[in-house]
Amino acid sequence: MVSCRRSSINRPPTPSADEDEEKEPSLSEIINVKLVESGEKEKLMELLRERLVECGWRDEMKSLCRAYARKKGRNNVTVDDLIHVITPKGRASVPDAVKAELLQRIRSFLMSSTLR
């Protein structure tokens, strides 16, 4: 039986038994754990959703998905196809102001958590 790991935005992935147990967590892994444990990650995700809706990014991505589905034919498109085609465009089109705001919130969180 093949085991499969499922990722979640609320918890870091569980290491498999064959991974090196002595491996030190990376800085990004440590930050992710702190964000998840504190509940800050979910707050940041909600902020991101709000900002992307406000700036029209979400509507733009919907439009791209619809155009792709029309082009290929509705019955010939899978969710995986959409993810493969739209993800690079979506990441590249997130406004710099939104990225900067999230980065500042993460920095503030890290500064406040290290002072405790």
N, C-alpha and C. Protein backbone atom coordinates (compact mmCIF):
# COMPACT_ATOMS: atom_id res chain seq x y z
N MET A 1 0.84 -1.18 0.00
CA MET A 1 0.00 0.00 0.00
C MET A 1 0.88 1.24 0.00
N VAL A 2 0.60 2.17 -0.85
CA VAL A 2 1.38 3.38 -0.97
C VAL A 2 0.79 4.44 -0.05
N SER A 3 1.65 5.05 0.77
CA SER A 3 1.14 6.12 1.62
C SER A 3 1.29 7.44 0.88
N CYS A 4 0.37 8.31 1.13
CA CYS A 4 0.49 9.62 0.49
C CYS A 4 0.33 10.68 1.56
N ARG A 5 1.14 11.72 1.44
CA ARG A 5 1.10 12.81 2.39
C ARG A 5 0.24 13.92 1.82
N ARG A 6 -0.55 14.47 2.66
CA ARG A 6 -1.39 15.58 2.24
C ARG A 6 -0.88 16.84 2.91
N SER A 7 -0.79 17.88 2.13
CA SER A 7 -0.32 19.13 2.72
C SER A 7 -1.51 19.93 3.21
N SER A 8 -1.25 20.80 4.11
CA SER A 8 -2.30 21.64 4.67
C SER A 8 -1.71 23.01 4.95
N ILE A 9 -2.55 24.03 4.82
CA ILE A 9 -2.06 25.36 5.14
C ILE A 9 -1.98 25.54 6.65
N ASN A 10 -2.57 24.62 7.40
CA ASN A 10 -2.60 24.77 8.85
C ASN A 10 -1.53 23.99 9.59
N ARG A 11 -0.79 23.15 8.87
CA ARG A 11 0.29 22.43 9.54
C ARG A 11 1.38 22.10 8.54
N PRO A 12 2.61 22.06 9.03
CA PRO A 12 3.70 21.71 8.12
C PRO A 12 3.62 20.23 7.76
N PRO A 13 4.21 19.83 6.64
CA PRO A 13 4.17 18.42 6.25
C PRO A 13 4.91 17.55 7.26
N THR A 14 4.40 16.36 7.46
CA THR A 14 5.03 15.41 8.37
C THR A 14 6.17 14.72 7.63
N PRO A 15 7.37 14.71 8.22
CA PRO A 15 8.48 14.05 7.52
C PRO A 15 8.25 12.55 7.44
N SER A 16 8.68 11.95 6.35
CA SER A 16 8.54 10.50 6.20
C SER A 16 9.66 9.82 6.99
N ALA A 17 9.48 8.55 7.26
CA ALA A 17 10.43 7.79 8.08
C ALA A 17 11.80 7.68 7.42
N ASP A 18 11.84 7.69 6.09
CA ASP A 18 13.12 7.54 5.41
C ASP A 18 13.93 8.83 5.32
N GLU A 19 13.37 9.95 5.75
CA GLU A 19 14.12 11.20 5.75
C GLU A 19 15.09 11.21 6.91
N ASP A 20 16.17 11.91 6.76
CA ASP A 20 17.19 12.00 7.80
C ASP A 20 16.61 12.68 9.04
N GLU A 21 16.60 11.95 10.15
CA GLU A 21 16.01 12.48 11.38
C GLU A 21 16.86 13.56 12.01
N GLU A 22 18.15 13.60 11.68
CA GLU A 22 19.06 14.58 12.26
C GLU A 22 19.04 15.92 11.52
N LYS A 23 18.32 16.00 10.43
CA LYS A 23 18.31 17.20 9.59
C LYS A 23 17.74 18.40 10.36
N GLU A 24 18.49 19.49 10.31
CA GLU A 24 18.05 20.73 10.94
C GLU A 24 16.98 21.38 10.08
N PRO A 25 15.93 21.91 10.70
CA PRO A 25 14.92 22.60 9.89
C PRO A 25 15.49 23.89 9.30
N SER A 26 15.04 24.21 8.10
CA SER A 26 15.50 25.45 7.46
C SER A 26 14.82 26.64 8.12
N LEU A 27 15.34 27.81 7.84
CA LEU A 27 14.77 29.02 8.40
C LEU A 27 13.32 29.18 7.95
N SER A 28 13.04 28.90 6.67
CA SER A 28 11.66 29.04 6.19
C SER A 28 10.75 28.03 6.87
N GLU A 29 11.24 26.83 7.17
CA GLU A 29 10.43 25.84 7.89
C GLU A 29 10.13 26.30 9.31
N ILE A 30 11.12 26.88 9.96
CA ILE A 30 10.94 27.39 11.32
C ILE A 30 9.91 28.52 11.33
N ILE A 31 10.04 29.43 10.38
CA ILE A 31 9.10 30.54 10.27
C ILE A 31 7.70 30.02 10.01
N ASN A 32 7.57 29.05 9.11
CA ASN A 32 6.26 28.48 8.81
C ASN A 32 5.63 27.87 10.06
N VAL A 33 6.40 27.15 10.84
CA VAL A 33 5.88 26.54 12.06
C VAL A 33 5.41 27.62 13.02
N LYS A 34 6.20 28.68 13.19
CA LYS A 34 5.81 29.78 14.09
C LYS A 34 4.51 30.42 13.62
N LEU A 35 4.41 30.64 12.30
CA LEU A 35 3.20 31.26 11.75
C LEU A 35 1.97 30.38 11.96
N VAL A 36 2.12 29.08 11.75
CA VAL A 36 1.00 28.15 11.90
C VAL A 36 0.60 28.05 13.37
N GLU A 37 1.57 27.83 14.24
CA GLU A 37 1.27 27.65 15.66
C GLU A 37 0.58 28.86 16.28
N SER A 38 0.93 30.03 15.82
CA SER A 38 0.36 31.25 16.39
C SER A 38 -0.99 31.61 15.78
N GLY A 39 -1.34 30.98 14.65
CA GLY A 39 -2.57 31.34 13.95
C GLY A 39 -2.38 32.50 12.99
N GLU A 40 -1.16 33.04 12.94
CA GLU A 40 -0.88 34.19 12.08
C GLU A 40 -0.95 33.82 10.60
N LYS A 41 -0.61 32.58 10.26
CA LYS A 41 -0.63 32.18 8.85
C LYS A 41 -2.04 32.28 8.29
N GLU A 42 -3.02 31.84 9.04
CA GLU A 42 -4.41 31.91 8.57
C GLU A 42 -4.85 33.37 8.42
N LYS A 43 -4.41 34.24 9.32
CA LYS A 43 -4.73 35.67 9.21
C LYS A 43 -4.09 36.26 7.96
N LEU A 44 -2.85 35.88 7.69
CA LEU A 44 -2.17 36.38 6.49
C LEU A 44 -2.84 35.87 5.21
N MET A 45 -3.28 34.63 5.23
CA MET A 45 -3.97 34.06 4.07
C MET A 45 -5.28 34.82 3.82
N GLU A 46 -6.00 35.15 4.87
CA GLU A 46 -7.25 35.90 4.73
C GLU A 46 -6.97 37.31 4.20
N LEU A 47 -5.93 37.95 4.72
CA LEU A 47 -5.53 39.27 4.23
C LEU A 47 -5.19 39.21 2.75
N LEU A 48 -4.44 38.19 2.36
CA LEU A 48 -4.07 38.02 0.95
C LEU A 48 -5.32 37.86 0.08
N ARG A 49 -6.24 37.02 0.52
CA ARG A 49 -7.49 36.84 -0.24
C ARG A 49 -8.21 38.18 -0.42
N GLU A 50 -8.34 38.93 0.66
CA GLU A 50 -9.02 40.23 0.60
C GLU A 50 -8.34 41.18 -0.38
N ARG A 51 -7.02 41.28 -0.27
CA ARG A 51 -6.28 42.21 -1.13
C ARG A 51 -6.37 41.81 -2.60
N LEU A 52 -6.33 40.52 -2.88
CA LEU A 52 -6.40 40.06 -4.27
C LEU A 52 -7.78 40.31 -4.87
N VAL A 53 -8.81 40.21 -4.05
CA VAL A 53 -10.17 40.54 -4.53
C VAL A 53 -10.27 42.04 -4.76
N GLU A 54 -9.78 42.83 -3.81
CA GLU A 54 -9.86 44.30 -3.91
C GLU A 54 -9.18 44.83 -5.17
N CYS A 55 -8.05 44.27 -5.54
CA CYS A 55 -7.29 44.80 -6.68
C CYS A 55 -7.73 44.20 -8.01
N GLY A 56 -8.68 43.28 -7.98
CA GLY A 56 -9.19 42.70 -9.23
C GLY A 56 -8.41 41.50 -9.73
N TRP A 57 -7.41 41.07 -8.98
CA TRP A 57 -6.59 39.93 -9.38
C TRP A 57 -7.43 38.66 -9.51
N ARG A 58 -8.30 38.44 -8.56
CA ARG A 58 -9.13 37.23 -8.57
C ARG A 58 -10.02 37.18 -9.81
N ASP A 59 -10.64 38.30 -10.14
CA ASP A 59 -11.48 38.37 -11.34
C ASP A 59 -10.66 38.13 -12.61
N GLU A 60 -9.44 38.66 -12.61
CA GLU A 60 -8.56 38.46 -13.76
C GLU A 60 -8.22 36.98 -13.93
N MET A 61 -7.96 36.29 -12.83
CA MET A 61 -7.64 34.86 -12.90
C MET A 61 -8.86 34.05 -13.36
N LYS A 62 -10.04 34.44 -12.87
CA LYS A 62 -11.28 33.77 -13.32
C LYS A 62 -11.45 33.93 -14.82
N SER A 63 -11.19 35.13 -15.29
CA SER A 63 -11.32 35.42 -16.71
C SER A 63 -10.34 34.58 -17.53
N LEU A 64 -9.11 34.47 -17.06
CA LEU A 64 -8.12 33.65 -17.75
C LEU A 64 -8.55 32.18 -17.80
N CYS A 65 -9.10 31.70 -16.69
CA CYS A 65 -9.57 30.31 -16.64
C CYS A 65 -10.71 30.09 -17.62
N ARG A 66 -11.65 31.02 -17.65
CA ARG A 66 -12.79 30.89 -18.57
C ARG A 66 -12.33 30.93 -20.02
N ALA A 67 -11.40 31.83 -20.33
CA ALA A 67 -10.90 31.93 -21.70
C ALA A 67 -10.18 30.64 -22.10
N TYR A 68 -9.41 30.08 -21.19
CA TYR A 68 -8.71 28.83 -21.48
C TYR A 68 -9.72 27.70 -21.71
N ALA A 69 -10.75 27.64 -20.88
CA ALA A 69 -11.77 26.60 -21.02
C ALA A 69 -12.53 26.73 -22.33
N ARG A 70 -12.81 27.97 -22.73
CA ARG A 70 -13.49 28.19 -24.03
C ARG A 70 -12.60 27.75 -25.18
N LYS A 71 -11.33 28.08 -25.07
CA LYS A 71 -10.37 27.76 -26.13
C LYS A 71 -10.22 26.24 -26.29
N LYS A 72 -10.10 25.52 -25.20
CA LYS A 72 -9.87 24.07 -25.25
C LYS A 72 -11.17 23.26 -25.32
N GLY A 73 -12.27 23.89 -24.98
CA GLY A 73 -13.54 23.17 -24.89
C GLY A 73 -13.76 22.76 -23.45
N ARG A 74 -14.91 23.10 -22.92
CA ARG A 74 -15.19 22.86 -21.51
C ARG A 74 -14.96 21.43 -21.06
N ASN A 75 -15.32 20.49 -21.89
CA ASN A 75 -15.20 19.08 -21.50
C ASN A 75 -13.79 18.55 -21.64
N ASN A 76 -12.90 19.35 -22.20
CA ASN A 76 -11.52 18.91 -22.41
C ASN A 76 -10.53 19.53 -21.43
N VAL A 77 -11.02 20.21 -20.40
CA VAL A 77 -10.15 20.91 -19.45
C VAL A 77 -10.32 20.31 -18.06
N THR A 78 -9.20 20.02 -17.43
CA THR A 78 -9.23 19.54 -16.04
C THR A 78 -8.72 20.64 -15.12
N VAL A 79 -8.96 20.47 -13.85
CA VAL A 79 -8.45 21.42 -12.87
C VAL A 79 -6.92 21.46 -12.94
N ASP A 80 -6.30 20.29 -13.10
CA ASP A 80 -4.84 20.24 -13.21
C ASP A 80 -4.34 21.05 -14.41
N ASP A 81 -5.07 20.99 -15.54
CA ASP A 81 -4.71 21.80 -16.71
C ASP A 81 -4.73 23.28 -16.35
N LEU A 82 -5.80 23.70 -15.70
CA LEU A 82 -5.94 25.11 -15.32
C LEU A 82 -4.82 25.54 -14.38
N ILE A 83 -4.53 24.71 -13.40
CA ILE A 83 -3.47 25.03 -12.45
C ILE A 83 -2.13 25.18 -13.17
N HIS A 84 -1.85 24.25 -14.07
CA HIS A 84 -0.58 24.27 -14.81
C HIS A 84 -0.44 25.53 -15.67
N VAL A 85 -1.53 25.95 -16.30
CA VAL A 85 -1.49 27.09 -17.20
C VAL A 85 -1.57 28.42 -16.45
N ILE A 86 -2.43 28.50 -15.46
CA ILE A 86 -2.73 29.77 -14.80
C ILE A 86 -1.75 30.13 -13.69
N THR A 87 -1.21 29.15 -12.97
CA THR A 87 -0.34 29.44 -11.82
C THR A 87 0.81 30.38 -12.14
N PRO A 88 1.59 30.14 -13.19
CA PRO A 88 2.70 31.08 -13.46
C PRO A 88 2.20 32.50 -13.73
N LYS A 89 1.11 32.62 -14.47
CA LYS A 89 0.56 33.95 -14.76
C LYS A 89 0.04 34.60 -13.48
N GLY A 90 -0.61 33.80 -12.65
CA GLY A 90 -1.15 34.32 -11.40
C GLY A 90 -0.07 34.83 -10.46
N ARG A 91 0.97 34.05 -10.30
CA ARG A 91 2.07 34.46 -9.41
C ARG A 91 2.75 35.72 -9.92
N ALA A 92 2.94 35.79 -11.22
CA ALA A 92 3.62 36.95 -11.80
C ALA A 92 2.77 38.21 -11.73
N SER A 93 1.46 38.06 -11.63
CA SER A 93 0.60 39.24 -11.68
C SER A 93 0.10 39.73 -10.32
N VAL A 94 0.58 39.12 -9.24
CA VAL A 94 0.22 39.64 -7.91
C VAL A 94 0.87 41.01 -7.77
N PRO A 95 0.08 42.02 -7.45
CA PRO A 95 0.63 43.38 -7.35
C PRO A 95 1.75 43.49 -6.31
N ASP A 96 2.76 44.27 -6.64
CA ASP A 96 3.89 44.46 -5.74
C ASP A 96 3.46 45.02 -4.39
N ALA A 97 2.45 45.87 -4.40
CA ALA A 97 1.96 46.46 -3.14
C ALA A 97 1.42 45.37 -2.21
N VAL A 98 0.75 44.38 -2.76
CA VAL A 98 0.21 43.28 -1.96
C VAL A 98 1.36 42.45 -1.39
N LYS A 99 2.34 42.15 -2.23
CA LYS A 99 3.51 41.39 -1.76
C LYS A 99 4.23 42.15 -0.64
N ALA A 100 4.40 43.45 -0.83
CA ALA A 100 5.11 44.27 0.16
C ALA A 100 4.35 44.31 1.48
N GLU A 101 3.04 44.43 1.42
CA GLU A 101 2.23 44.46 2.64
C GLU A 101 2.35 43.15 3.41
N LEU A 102 2.27 42.04 2.71
CA LEU A 102 2.39 40.74 3.38
C LEU A 102 3.78 40.55 3.96
N LEU A 103 4.79 40.94 3.22
CA LEU A 103 6.16 40.82 3.71
C LEU A 103 6.35 41.66 4.97
N GLN A 104 5.80 42.85 4.98
CA GLN A 104 5.90 43.71 6.17
C GLN A 104 5.19 43.09 7.36
N ARG A 105 4.03 42.50 7.12
CA ARG A 105 3.29 41.84 8.21
C ARG A 105 4.08 40.65 8.76
N ILE A 106 4.72 39.90 7.88
CA ILE A 106 5.53 38.76 8.32
C ILE A 106 6.72 39.25 9.13
N ARG A 107 7.37 40.30 8.66
CA ARG A 107 8.51 40.86 9.39
C ARG A 107 8.08 41.33 10.78
N SER A 108 6.96 42.04 10.83
CA SER A 108 6.45 42.54 12.12
C SER A 108 6.16 41.38 13.07
N PHE A 109 5.54 40.34 12.54
CA PHE A 109 5.24 39.17 13.35
C PHE A 109 6.52 38.56 13.90
N LEU A 110 7.51 38.39 13.03
CA LEU A 110 8.77 37.78 13.46
C LEU A 110 9.48 38.63 14.51
N MET A 111 9.46 39.94 14.31
CA MET A 111 10.09 40.83 15.29
C MET A 111 9.37 40.74 16.63
N SER A 112 8.06 40.74 16.64
CA SER A 112 7.33 40.68 17.89
C SER A 112 7.47 39.31 18.56
N SER A 113 7.59 38.25 17.78
CA SER A 113 7.71 36.91 18.38
C SER A 113 9.11 36.66 18.93
N THR A 114 10.13 37.33 18.40
CA THR A 114 11.48 37.14 18.92
C THR A 114 11.72 37.96 20.18
N LEU A 115 10.89 38.98 20.40
CA LEU A 115 11.04 39.83 21.59
C LEU A 115 10.38 39.22 22.81
N ARG A 116 9.57 38.19 22.60
CA ARG A 116 8.86 37.58 23.73
C ARG A 116 9.76 36.67 24.51
